C-alpha atoms as a PDB file:
ATOM      1  CA  MET A   1      42.300  19.715  26.472  1.00  0.00           C
ATOM      2  CA  GLU A   2      43.200  16.619  24.305  1.00  0.00           C
ATOM      3  CA  LEU A   3      46.786  17.841  24.055  1.00  0.00           C
ATOM      4  CA  PHE A   4      47.026  18.359  27.754  1.00  0.00           C
ATOM      5  CA  LEU A   5      45.550  15.046  28.691  1.00  0.00           C
ATOM      6  CA  MET A   6      47.785  13.150  26.235  1.00  0.00           C
ATOM      7  CA  THR A   7      50.739  15.116  27.514  1.00  0.00           C
ATOM      8  CA  ILE A   8      49.949  14.220  31.060  1.00  0.00           C
ATOM      9  CA  VAL A   9      49.289  10.405  30.243  1.00  0.00           C
ATOM     10  CA  THR A  10      52.499  10.255  28.320  1.00  0.00           C
ATOM     11  CA  GLY A  11      54.436  11.991  31.040  1.00  0.00           C
ATOM     12  CA  ILE A  12      53.216   9.386  33.725  1.00  0.00           C
ATOM     13  CA  MET A  13      54.266   6.548  31.336  1.00  0.00           C
ATOM     14  CA  VAL A  14      57.733   7.887  30.658  1.00  0.00           C
ATOM     15  CA  GLY A  15      58.115   8.799  34.194  1.00  0.00           C
ATOM     16  CA  GLY A  16      57.456   5.121  35.293  1.00  0.00           C
ATOM     17  CA  ILE A  17      60.564   4.140  33.321  1.00  0.00           C
ATOM     18  CA  TYR A  18      62.454   7.007  34.733  1.00  0.00           C
ATOM     19  CA  ALA A  19      61.645   5.766  38.108  1.00  0.00           C
ATOM     20  CA  LEU A  20      63.038   2.254  37.306  1.00  0.00           C
ATOM     21  CA  VAL A  21      66.264   3.927  36.310  1.00  0.00           C
ATOM     22  CA  ALA A  22      66.328   6.028  39.269  1.00  0.00           C
ATOM     23  CA  LEU A  23      66.078   2.990  41.634  1.00  0.00           C
ATOM     24  CA  GLY A  24      69.439   2.127  40.643  1.00  0.00           C
ATOM     25  CA  TRP A  25      70.808   5.399  41.846  1.00  0.00           C
ATOM     26  CA  VAL A  26      68.752   5.086  45.102  1.00  0.00           C
ATOM     27  CA  LEU A  27      70.170   1.521  45.824  1.00  0.00           C
ATOM     28  CA  ILE A  28      73.547   2.441  45.578  1.00  0.00           C
ATOM     29  CA  TYR A  29      73.295   5.626  47.526  1.00  0.00           C
ATOM     30  CA  LYS A  30      71.344   3.882  50.267  1.00  0.00           C
ATOM     31  CA  CYS A  31      74.084   1.348  50.772  1.00  0.00           C
ATOM     32  CA  SER A  32      77.098   3.290  50.368  1.00  0.00           C
ATOM     33  CA  GLY A  33      76.426   6.981  50.239  1.00  0.00           C
ATOM     34  CA  VAL A  34      77.855   7.112  46.805  1.00  0.00           C
ATOM     35  CA  LEU A  35      76.279   8.756  43.607  1.00  0.00           C
ATOM     36  CA  ASN A  36      76.931   6.495  40.748  1.00  0.00           C
ATOM     37  CA  LEU A  37      77.835   8.679  37.772  1.00  0.00           C
ATOM     38  CA  ALA A  38      77.956   5.533  35.567  1.00  0.00           C
ATOM     39  CA  MET A  39      74.140   5.009  35.713  1.00  0.00           C
ATOM     40  CA  GLY A  40      73.419   6.053  32.226  1.00  0.00           C
ATOM     41  CA  GLU A  41      76.068   3.706  30.659  1.00  0.00           C
ATOM     42  CA  MET A  42      74.727   0.823  32.790  1.00  0.00           C
ATOM     43  CA  THR A  43      71.243   1.556  31.237  1.00  0.00           C
ATOM     44  CA  LEU A  44      72.663   1.260  27.938  1.00  0.00           C
ATOM     45  CA  ILE A  45      74.606  -1.959  28.599  1.00  0.00           C
ATOM     46  CA  GLY A  46      71.488  -3.841  29.467  1.00  0.00           C
ATOM     47  CA  ALA A  47      69.523  -2.362  26.516  1.00  0.00           C
ATOM     48  CA  TYR A  48      72.151  -3.358  24.150  1.00  0.00           C
ATOM     49  CA  ILE A  49      72.457  -6.873  25.537  1.00  0.00           C
ATOM     50  CA  SER A  50      68.573  -7.252  25.102  1.00  0.00           C
ATOM     51  CA  ILE A  51      68.437  -6.070  21.476  1.00  0.00           C
ATOM     52  CA  THR A  52      71.610  -8.210  20.692  1.00  0.00           C
ATOM     53  CA  PHE A  53      69.725 -11.438  21.992  1.00  0.00           C
ATOM     54  CA  TYR A  54      66.410 -10.257  20.382  1.00  0.00           C
ATOM     55  CA  SER A  55      67.946  -9.736  16.839  1.00  0.00           C
ATOM     56  CA  MET A  56      69.354 -13.322  17.042  1.00  0.00           C
ATOM     57  CA  GLY A  57      65.473 -14.440  17.083  1.00  0.00           C
ATOM     58  CA  ILE A  58      65.276 -15.064  20.747  1.00  0.00           C
ATOM     59  CA  PRO A  59      61.753 -14.058  22.074  1.00  0.00           C
ATOM     60  CA  PHE A  60      61.744 -10.734  23.820  1.00  0.00           C
ATOM     61  CA  LEU A  61      60.903 -11.894  27.282  1.00  0.00           C
ATOM     62  CA  LEU A  62      63.766 -14.436  27.131  1.00  0.00           C
ATOM     63  CA  ALA A  63      66.074 -12.090  25.777  1.00  0.00           C
ATOM     64  CA  LEU A  64      65.291  -9.622  28.581  1.00  0.00           C
ATOM     65  CA  LEU A  65      65.770 -12.370  31.166  1.00  0.00           C
ATOM     66  CA  LEU A  66      68.999 -13.349  29.737  1.00  0.00           C
ATOM     67  CA  SER A  67      70.058  -9.592  29.779  1.00  0.00           C
ATOM     68  CA  LEU A  68      68.991  -9.575  33.429  1.00  0.00           C
ATOM     69  CA  ILE A  69      71.151 -12.438  34.249  1.00  0.00           C
ATOM     70  CA  ILE A  70      74.167 -10.819  32.524  1.00  0.00           C
ATOM     71  CA  GLY A  71      73.494  -7.586  34.296  1.00  0.00           C
ATOM     72  CA  LEU A  72      73.504  -9.437  37.758  1.00  0.00           C
ATOM     73  CA  ILE A  73      76.905 -11.012  36.835  1.00  0.00           C
ATOM     74  CA  LEU A  74      78.293  -7.617  35.612  1.00  0.00           C
ATOM     75  CA  GLY A  75      76.997  -5.841  38.908  1.00  0.00           C
ATOM     76  CA  ILE A  76      78.970  -8.451  40.956  1.00  0.00           C
ATOM     77  CA  LEU A  77      82.030  -8.043  38.909  1.00  0.00           C
ATOM     78  CA  THR A  78      82.005  -4.282  38.859  1.00  0.00           C
ATOM     79  CA  GLU A  79      81.900  -4.110  42.527  1.00  0.00           C
ATOM     80  CA  ARG A  80      84.267  -6.834  43.261  1.00  0.00           C
ATOM     81  CA  ILE A  81      87.061  -5.435  40.690  1.00  0.00           C
ATOM     82  CA  PHE A  82      86.625  -1.929  41.020  1.00  0.00           C
ATOM     83  CA  LEU A  83      84.977  -0.959  44.259  1.00  0.00           C
ATOM     84  CA  ASP A  84      85.511  -3.528  46.817  1.00  0.00           C
ATOM     85  CA  LYS A  85      88.761  -2.291  47.954  1.00  0.00           C
ATOM     86  CA  LEU A  86      87.266   1.267  48.427  1.00  0.00           C
ATOM     87  CA  ILE A  87      85.033   0.163  51.348  1.00  0.00           C
ATOM     88  CA  GLY A  88      85.628   2.638  54.130  1.00  0.00           C
ATOM     89  CA  GLU A  89      87.474   5.150  51.861  1.00  0.00           C
ATOM     90  CA  PRO A  90      86.337   8.735  51.311  1.00  0.00           C
ATOM     91  CA  VAL A  91      83.095   8.968  49.363  1.00  0.00           C
ATOM     92  CA  LEU A  92      84.729  11.363  46.896  1.00  0.00           C
ATOM     93  CA  SER A  93      87.263   8.695  45.850  1.00  0.00           C
ATOM     94  CA  VAL A  94      84.399   6.325  45.036  1.00  0.00           C
ATOM     95  CA  ILE A  95      82.478   8.855  43.165  1.00  0.00           C
ATOM     96  CA  MET A  96      85.610   9.455  40.891  1.00  0.00           C
ATOM     97  CA  VAL A  97      85.848   5.712  40.221  1.00  0.00           C
ATOM     98  CA  THR A  98      82.255   5.931  39.074  1.00  0.00           C
ATOM     99  CA  VAL A  99      83.216   8.511  36.679  1.00  0.00           C
ATOM    100  CA  GLY A 100      86.044   6.336  35.403  1.00  0.00           C
ATOM    101  CA  LEU A 101      83.654   3.646  34.952  1.00  0.00           C
ATOM    102  CA  SER A 102      81.450   5.721  32.858  1.00  0.00           C
ATOM    103  CA  PHE A 103      84.088   6.459  30.425  1.00  0.00           C
ATOM    104  CA  PHE A 104      85.140   2.809  30.486  1.00  0.00           C
ATOM    105  CA  PHE A 105      81.806   1.577  29.794  1.00  0.00           C
ATOM    106  CA  LYS A 106      80.982   4.124  27.181  1.00  0.00           C
ATOM    107  CA  GLY A 107      84.237   3.256  25.234  1.00  0.00           C
ATOM    108  CA  SER A 108      83.313  -0.364  25.532  1.00  0.00           C
ATOM    109  CA  LEU A 109      79.798   0.158  24.133  1.00  0.00           C
ATOM    110  CA  GLU A 110      81.009   2.259  21.203  1.00  0.00           C
ATOM    111  CA  LEU A 111      83.693  -0.478  20.546  1.00  0.00           C
ATOM    112  CA  ILE A 112      81.162  -3.451  20.466  1.00  0.00           C
ATOM    113  CA  TRP A 113      78.116  -1.984  19.113  1.00  0.00           C
ATOM    114  CA  GLY A 114      79.255   1.276  17.400  1.00  0.00           C
ATOM    115  CA  THR A 115      77.382   4.519  17.541  1.00  0.00           C
ATOM    116  CA  ASP A 116      74.546   3.940  14.924  1.00  0.00           C
ATOM    117  CA  THR A 117      70.888   3.818  16.140  1.00  0.00           C
ATOM    118  CA  LYS A 118      69.558   0.325  16.648  1.00  0.00           C
ATOM    119  CA  VAL A 119      65.969  -0.534  16.806  1.00  0.00           C
ATOM    120  CA  PHE A 120      64.036  -3.832  17.876  1.00  0.00           C
ATOM    121  CA  THR A 121      63.147  -5.470  14.653  1.00  0.00           C
ATOM    122  CA  PRO A 122      60.593  -6.583  14.197  1.00  0.00           C
ATOM    123  CA  PRO A 123      58.853  -4.247  16.808  1.00  0.00           C
ATOM    124  CA  VAL A 124      58.078  -5.683  20.244  1.00  0.00           C
ATOM    125  CA  PHE A 125      54.907  -4.023  20.774  1.00  0.00           C
ATOM    126  CA  PRO A 126      52.109  -3.357  18.137  1.00  0.00           C
ATOM    127  CA  LEU A 127      52.291  -0.121  16.399  1.00  0.00           C
ATOM    128  CA  GLU A 128      48.528   0.597  16.330  1.00  0.00           C
ATOM    129  CA  PRO A 129      47.692   3.052  19.129  1.00  0.00           C
ATOM    130  CA  ILE A 130      45.010   2.539  21.767  1.00  0.00           C
ATOM    131  CA  GLU A 131      42.233   5.105  21.889  1.00  0.00           C
ATOM    132  CA  ILE A 132      40.584   5.954  25.138  1.00  0.00           C
ATOM    133  CA  GLY A 133      38.081   8.648  24.344  1.00  0.00           C
ATOM    134  CA  PRO A 134      40.047  11.614  23.074  1.00  0.00           C
ATOM    135  CA  ILE A 135      43.318  10.286  24.348  1.00  0.00           C
ATOM    136  CA  VAL A 136      45.635   8.327  21.981  1.00  0.00           C
ATOM    137  CA  ILE A 137      48.268   6.095  23.623  1.00  0.00           C
ATOM    138  CA  GLY A 138      51.123   4.241  21.836  1.00  0.00           C
ATOM    139  CA  GLN A 139      51.211   0.587  22.792  1.00  0.00           C
ATOM    140  CA  ALA A 140      54.956   0.784  23.414  1.00  0.00           C
ATOM    141  CA  TYR A 141      54.283   3.517  26.074  1.00  0.00           C
ATOM    142  CA  LEU A 142      51.520   1.663  27.725  1.00  0.00           C
ATOM    143  CA  TRP A 143      53.129  -1.727  27.988  1.00  0.00           C
ATOM    144  CA  SER A 144      56.428  -0.238  29.104  1.00  0.00           C
ATOM    145  CA  PHE A 145      54.783   1.645  31.954  1.00  0.00           C
ATOM    146  CA  ILE A 146      52.960  -1.626  33.160  1.00  0.00           C
ATOM    147  CA  ALA A 147      56.277  -3.502  32.999  1.00  0.00           C
ATOM    148  CA  ALA A 148      57.906  -0.703  34.903  1.00  0.00           C
ATOM    149  CA  ILE A 149      55.375  -0.574  37.595  1.00  0.00           C
ATOM    150  CA  ILE A 150      55.339  -4.187  38.158  1.00  0.00           C
ATOM    151  CA  LEU A 151      59.254  -4.332  38.521  1.00  0.00           C
ATOM    152  CA  LEU A 152      58.970  -1.470  40.765  1.00  0.00           C
ATOM    153  CA  ILE A 153      56.403  -3.185  42.978  1.00  0.00           C
ATOM    154  CA  ALA A 154      58.481  -6.336  43.038  1.00  0.00           C
ATOM    155  CA  PHE A 155      61.585  -4.299  44.178  1.00  0.00           C
ATOM    156  CA  VAL A 156      59.497  -2.668  47.108  1.00  0.00           C
ATOM    157  CA  CYS A 157      58.310  -6.083  48.127  1.00  0.00           C
ATOM    158  CA  PHE A 158      61.976  -7.562  47.943  1.00  0.00           C
ATOM    159  CA  PHE A 159      63.174  -4.687  50.519  1.00  0.00           C
ATOM    160  CA  LYS A 160      60.141  -4.873  52.597  1.00  0.00           C
ATOM    161  CA  TYR A 161      59.681  -8.759  53.059  1.00  0.00           C
ATOM    162  CA  THR A 162      62.798 -10.817  52.204  1.00  0.00           C
ATOM    163  CA  ARG A 163      65.686 -11.498  54.271  1.00  0.00           C
ATOM    164  CA  TRP A 164      68.214 -10.002  51.845  1.00  0.00           C
ATOM    165  CA  GLY A 165      66.237  -6.775  51.281  1.00  0.00           C
ATOM    166  CA  LEU A 166      65.994  -6.335  55.013  1.00  0.00           C
ATOM    167  CA  ALA A 167      69.769  -6.904  55.431  1.00  0.00           C
ATOM    168  CA  MET A 168      70.428  -4.209  52.591  1.00  0.00           C
ATOM    169  CA  GLN A 169      68.206  -1.781  54.514  1.00  0.00           C
ATOM    170  CA  ALA A 170      69.960  -2.538  57.769  1.00  0.00           C
ATOM    171  CA  THR A 171      73.373  -1.905  56.400  1.00  0.00           C
ATOM    172  CA  ALA A 172      72.065   1.494  54.735  1.00  0.00           C
ATOM    173  CA  ASP A 173      70.718   2.564  58.097  1.00  0.00           C
ATOM    174  CA  ASP A 174      73.653   1.668  60.270  1.00  0.00           C
ATOM    175  CA  GLU A 175      76.560  -0.266  58.727  1.00  0.00           C
ATOM    176  CA  MET A 176      78.393  -0.871  62.015  1.00  0.00           C
ATOM    177  CA  ALA A 177      75.316  -2.298  63.601  1.00  0.00           C
ATOM    178  CA  ALA A 178      74.656  -4.466  60.719  1.00  0.00           C
ATOM    179  CA  LEU A 179      78.186  -5.793  60.825  1.00  0.00           C
ATOM    180  CA  SER A 180      77.702  -6.613  64.408  1.00  0.00           C
ATOM    181  CA  LEU A 181      74.661  -8.821  63.562  1.00  0.00           C
ATOM    182  CA  GLY A 182      76.603 -10.891  61.091  1.00  0.00           C
ATOM    183  CA  ILE A 183      75.447  -8.971  57.933  1.00  0.00           C
ATOM    184  CA  SER A 184      78.084  -8.925  55.161  1.00  0.00           C
ATOM    185  CA  ALA A 185      78.811  -5.429  53.942  1.00  0.00           C
ATOM    186  CA  ARG A 186      80.564  -6.888  50.816  1.00  0.00           C
ATOM    187  CA  PHE A 187      77.494  -8.946  50.045  1.00  0.00           C
ATOM    188  CA  VAL A 188      75.304  -6.022  50.416  1.00  0.00           C
ATOM    189  CA  TYR A 189      77.232  -3.659  48.018  1.00  0.00           C
ATOM    190  CA  ALA A 190      77.614  -6.510  45.416  1.00  0.00           C
ATOM    191  CA  ALA A 191      73.790  -7.034  45.629  1.00  0.00           C
ATOM    192  CA  ALA A 192      73.156  -3.247  45.339  1.00  0.00           C
ATOM    193  CA  TRP A 193      75.141  -2.927  42.091  1.00  0.00           C
ATOM    194  CA  SER A 194      73.724  -6.036  40.618  1.00  0.00           C
ATOM    195  CA  ILE A 195      70.095  -4.738  41.214  1.00  0.00           C
ATOM    196  CA  ALA A 196      71.111  -1.325  39.979  1.00  0.00           C
ATOM    197  CA  PHE A 197      72.415  -3.158  36.774  1.00  0.00           C
ATOM    198  CA  ILE A 198      69.147  -4.963  36.484  1.00  0.00           C
ATOM    199  CA  SER A 199      66.876  -2.021  36.957  1.00  0.00           C
ATOM    200  CA  ALA A 200      68.766   0.178  34.772  1.00  0.00           C
ATOM    201  CA  GLY A 201      68.891  -2.405  31.991  1.00  0.00           C
ATOM    202  CA  VAL A 202      65.245  -2.946  32.104  1.00  0.00           C
ATOM    203  CA  GLY A 203      64.600   0.741  31.862  1.00  0.00           C
ATOM    204  CA  GLY A 204      66.932   1.072  28.950  1.00  0.00           C
ATOM    205  CA  THR A 205      65.363  -1.711  27.054  1.00  0.00           C
ATOM    206  CA  LEU A 206      61.895  -0.275  27.491  1.00  0.00           C
ATOM    207  CA  LEU A 207      63.095   3.092  26.428  1.00  0.00           C
ATOM    208  CA  GLY A 208      64.861   1.572  23.493  1.00  0.00           C
ATOM    209  CA  ASN A 209      61.459  -0.084  22.315  1.00  0.00           C
ATOM    210  CA  ILE A 210      60.186   3.638  22.067  1.00  0.00           C
ATOM    211  CA  ASN A 211      62.815   5.693  20.727  1.00  0.00           C
ATOM    212  CA  GLY A 212      65.648   3.241  19.508  1.00  0.00           C
ATOM    213  CA  LEU A 213      69.093   2.853  20.970  1.00  0.00           C
ATOM    214  CA  ASN A 214      72.328   4.711  20.468  1.00  0.00           C
ATOM    215  CA  ILE A 215      75.046   5.998  22.649  1.00  0.00           C
ATOM    216  CA  SER A 216      73.171   9.247  23.459  1.00  0.00           C
ATOM    217  CA  VAL A 217      70.785   7.185  25.471  1.00  0.00           C
ATOM    218  CA  ALA A 218      73.562   7.162  28.239  1.00  0.00           C
ATOM    219  CA  HIS A 219      72.604  10.771  29.029  1.00  0.00           C
ATOM    220  CA  LEU A 220      69.520   9.294  30.645  1.00  0.00           C
ATOM    221  CA  GLY A 221      71.641   8.661  33.695  1.00  0.00           C
ATOM    222  CA  LEU A 222      72.005  12.421  34.242  1.00  0.00           C
ATOM    223  CA  LEU A 223      68.618  13.114  33.128  1.00  0.00           C
ATOM    224  CA  VAL A 224      67.175  10.949  35.937  1.00  0.00           C
ATOM    225  CA  LEU A 225      69.168  12.750  38.517  1.00  0.00           C
ATOM    226  CA  PRO A 226      66.347  15.367  39.110  1.00  0.00           C
ATOM    227  CA  VAL A 227      64.145  12.317  39.697  1.00  0.00           C
ATOM    228  CA  VAL A 228      66.350  11.093  42.462  1.00  0.00           C
ATOM    229  CA  VAL A 229      66.938  14.349  44.144  1.00  0.00           C
ATOM    230  CA  LEU A 230      63.143  15.267  44.101  1.00  0.00           C
ATOM    231  CA  GLY A 231      62.149  11.904  45.794  1.00  0.00           C
ATOM    232  CA  GLY A 232      65.081  11.923  48.041  1.00  0.00           C
ATOM    233  CA  LEU A 233      68.432  10.096  47.518  1.00  0.00           C
ATOM    234  CA  ASN A 234      67.643   7.087  49.780  1.00  0.00           C
ATOM    235  CA  SER A 235      63.781   6.614  49.113  1.00  0.00           C
ATOM    236  CA  VAL A 236      62.487   3.967  46.888  1.00  0.00           C
ATOM    237  CA  PRO A 237      59.005   5.346  46.950  1.00  0.00           C
ATOM    238  CA  GLY A 238      60.373   8.690  46.315  1.00  0.00           C
ATOM    239  CA  ALA A 239      62.030   7.472  43.054  1.00  0.00           C
ATOM    240  CA  ILE A 240      58.557   6.394  41.958  1.00  0.00           C
ATOM    241  CA  VAL A 241      56.845   9.526  42.782  1.00  0.00           C
ATOM    242  CA  GLY A 242      59.687  11.604  41.490  1.00  0.00           C
ATOM    243  CA  GLY A 243      59.913   9.792  38.331  1.00  0.00           C
ATOM    244  CA  ILE A 244      56.323  10.448  37.388  1.00  0.00           C
ATOM    245  CA  ILE A 245      56.435  14.138  38.369  1.00  0.00           C
ATOM    246  CA  ILE A 246      59.425  14.533  36.321  1.00  0.00           C
ATOM    247  CA  GLY A 247      57.983  12.807  33.394  1.00  0.00           C
ATOM    248  CA  ILE A 248      54.924  14.861  33.425  1.00  0.00           C
ATOM    249  CA  LEU A 249      57.036  18.053  33.791  1.00  0.00           C
ATOM    250  CA  GLN A 250      59.174  17.295  30.914  1.00  0.00           C
ATOM    251  CA  ASN A 251      56.313  16.401  28.681  1.00  0.00           C
ATOM    252  CA  LEU A 252      54.241  19.605  29.450  1.00  0.00           C
ATOM    253  CA  CYS A 253      57.382  21.660  28.881  1.00  0.00           C
ATOM    254  CA  GLY A 254      58.029  19.999  25.608  1.00  0.00           C
ATOM    255  CA  ALA A 255      54.283  20.402  24.449  1.00  0.00           C
ATOM    256  CA  TYR A 256      53.738  24.036  25.593  1.00  0.00           C
ATOM    257  CA  LEU A 257      57.175  25.750  25.858  1.00  0.00           C
ATOM    258  CA  ASP A 258      59.412  24.226  23.003  1.00  0.00           C
ATOM    259  CA  GLN A 259      57.340  26.102  20.524  1.00  0.00           C
ATOM    260  CA  TYR A 260      58.325  29.464  22.081  1.00  0.00           C
ATOM    261  CA  PHE A 261      61.729  28.681  23.245  1.00  0.00           C
ATOM    262  CA  PRO A 262      63.407  26.426  20.684  1.00  0.00           C
ATOM    263  CA  GLY A 263      66.606  24.726  21.851  1.00  0.00           C
ATOM    264  CA  GLY A 264      65.677  21.971  24.388  1.00  0.00           C
ATOM    265  CA  VAL A 265      63.362  23.467  27.050  1.00  0.00           C
ATOM    266  CA  LYS A 266      62.101  20.071  27.579  1.00  0.00           C
ATOM    267  CA  GLU A 267      65.597  18.736  28.566  1.00  0.00           C
ATOM    268  CA  ILE A 268      66.456  21.722  30.677  1.00  0.00           C
ATOM    269  CA  ALA A 269      63.334  21.994  32.563  1.00  0.00           C
ATOM    270  CA  PRO A 270      63.805  19.058  35.126  1.00  0.00           C
ATOM    271  CA  PHE A 271      67.153  20.531  36.081  1.00  0.00           C
ATOM    272  CA  ALA A 272      65.717  24.025  36.657  1.00  0.00           C
ATOM    273  CA  PHE A 273      62.894  22.577  38.635  1.00  0.00           C
ATOM    274  CA  MET A 274      65.630  20.539  40.710  1.00  0.00           C
ATOM    275  CA  VAL A 275      67.468  23.721  41.526  1.00  0.00           C
ATOM    276  CA  ILE A 276      64.377  25.735  42.731  1.00  0.00           C
ATOM    277  CA  PHE A 277      63.054  22.521  44.529  1.00  0.00           C
ATOM    278  CA  LEU A 278      66.242  22.157  46.569  1.00  0.00           C
ATOM    279  CA  LEU A 279      66.171  25.606  47.813  1.00  0.00           C
ATOM    280  CA  PHE A 280      62.962  24.644  49.779  1.00  0.00           C
ATOM    281  CA  LYS A 281      63.552  20.783  50.353  1.00  0.00           C
ATOM    282  CA  PRO A 282      67.199  20.144  50.330  1.00  0.00           C
ATOM    283  CA  TYR A 283      66.734  16.533  51.304  1.00  0.00           C
ATOM    284  CA  GLY A 284      63.909  15.900  48.790  1.00  0.00           C
ATOM    285  CA  LEU A 285      60.332  14.569  49.501  1.00  0.00           C
ATOM    286  CA  TRP A 286      61.223  11.495  51.572  1.00  0.00           C
ATOM    287  CA  GLY A 287      65.037  11.938  51.978  1.00  0.00           C
ATOM    288  CA  TRP A 288      66.749  11.312  55.312  1.00  0.00           C
ATOM    289  CA  GLU A 289      67.517  14.658  57.115  1.00  0.00           C
ATOM    290  CA  ARG A 290      70.871  14.585  58.632  1.00  0.00           C
ATOM    291  CA  ILE A 291      71.036  16.887  61.697  1.00  0.00           C
ATOM    292  CA  GLU A 292      74.452  17.220  63.437  1.00  0.00           C
ATOM    293  CA  ARG A 293      74.688  18.600  67.010  1.00  0.00           C
ATOM    294  CA  VAL A 294      77.897  20.025  68.221  1.00  0.00           C
END
C-alpha cells in the first residue's frame, strides 16, 4: 500500500509538469490547428537557458525569469521568421516546418551546450524528503508540482479574463470573425508561440531539477503527446487533467510492470493507452467534435 500511495503521489506531481508542457501543444493547436513537433526542443531550450544563468551565480527565480523573457523573444522570432508567411497555407506544410525546426533547435542545442548531462549545482530544492505518514516525497517533486499548478492557474485566468487571452480564444474559434472585429491574427500566432516557449521552458527547468538535463529530455515533447490527445487537442483544462492521468499511469506501470517486462514499459504505456482511448473518444475528453454535413 505504501508503494501504491507513493506511486500515485509521484505520478500526480510529475503529471503537473507534463500538463505545463502540454499547454504549449494546446495553445498552438488552438490558434492555428497545427501540431508543433518541435515542442521537446523548445522545452530543452528554456531549461538550458535557466541552468546557464543559475551556474553564473544568479538566484534561481531570477534565472527562471530571465529564461522566460528570452523564451518570449524566441517565440516571437520563431513565428515571424519561419511561420508568418505560412498563414493560410495547408496545415501539413506548417507541420513539416515544425519538424525542420525540431532538427534545427536540436543541432543548435548540441552545438552550444553539448550532450553531457548538466545538473543544477548547488541543488535548487533541499535534498531531504518530506514524510507524510507512510508517504515519502522528494522536495524537488513537491515544489515543482506547486510551481506548475500556480502557472497553470495563471494561464487559465489569462485566457478567461484578459483582453489578449480572449482575443486568442476568439481567433481559435473563428479566425474570419475575429479578423472582422479587428483582432490581429499575426499577433495571436506570435503570442501563442511565445507562451508555448514560456510554458515549455518552465516545464523543462522543473524536470531538470529532478533528473538533470541532457539532449534526451527533448523526447519529452513526444511523451507529452498522449497527455494532449487524452485531454483534447484544444482544451486547456484537458491538458491539466490529461497530464495528471498520464503521470499516474506511467508511474504505476513503472512500479508494477517493469519488473515483469523489462525494457521500458513505463515509456510505452502512455502511447498504448492513447491508442486504446482514441478508439472510444477520438476527440479526447474535452476536445471539439467536428461534425460535417454534406
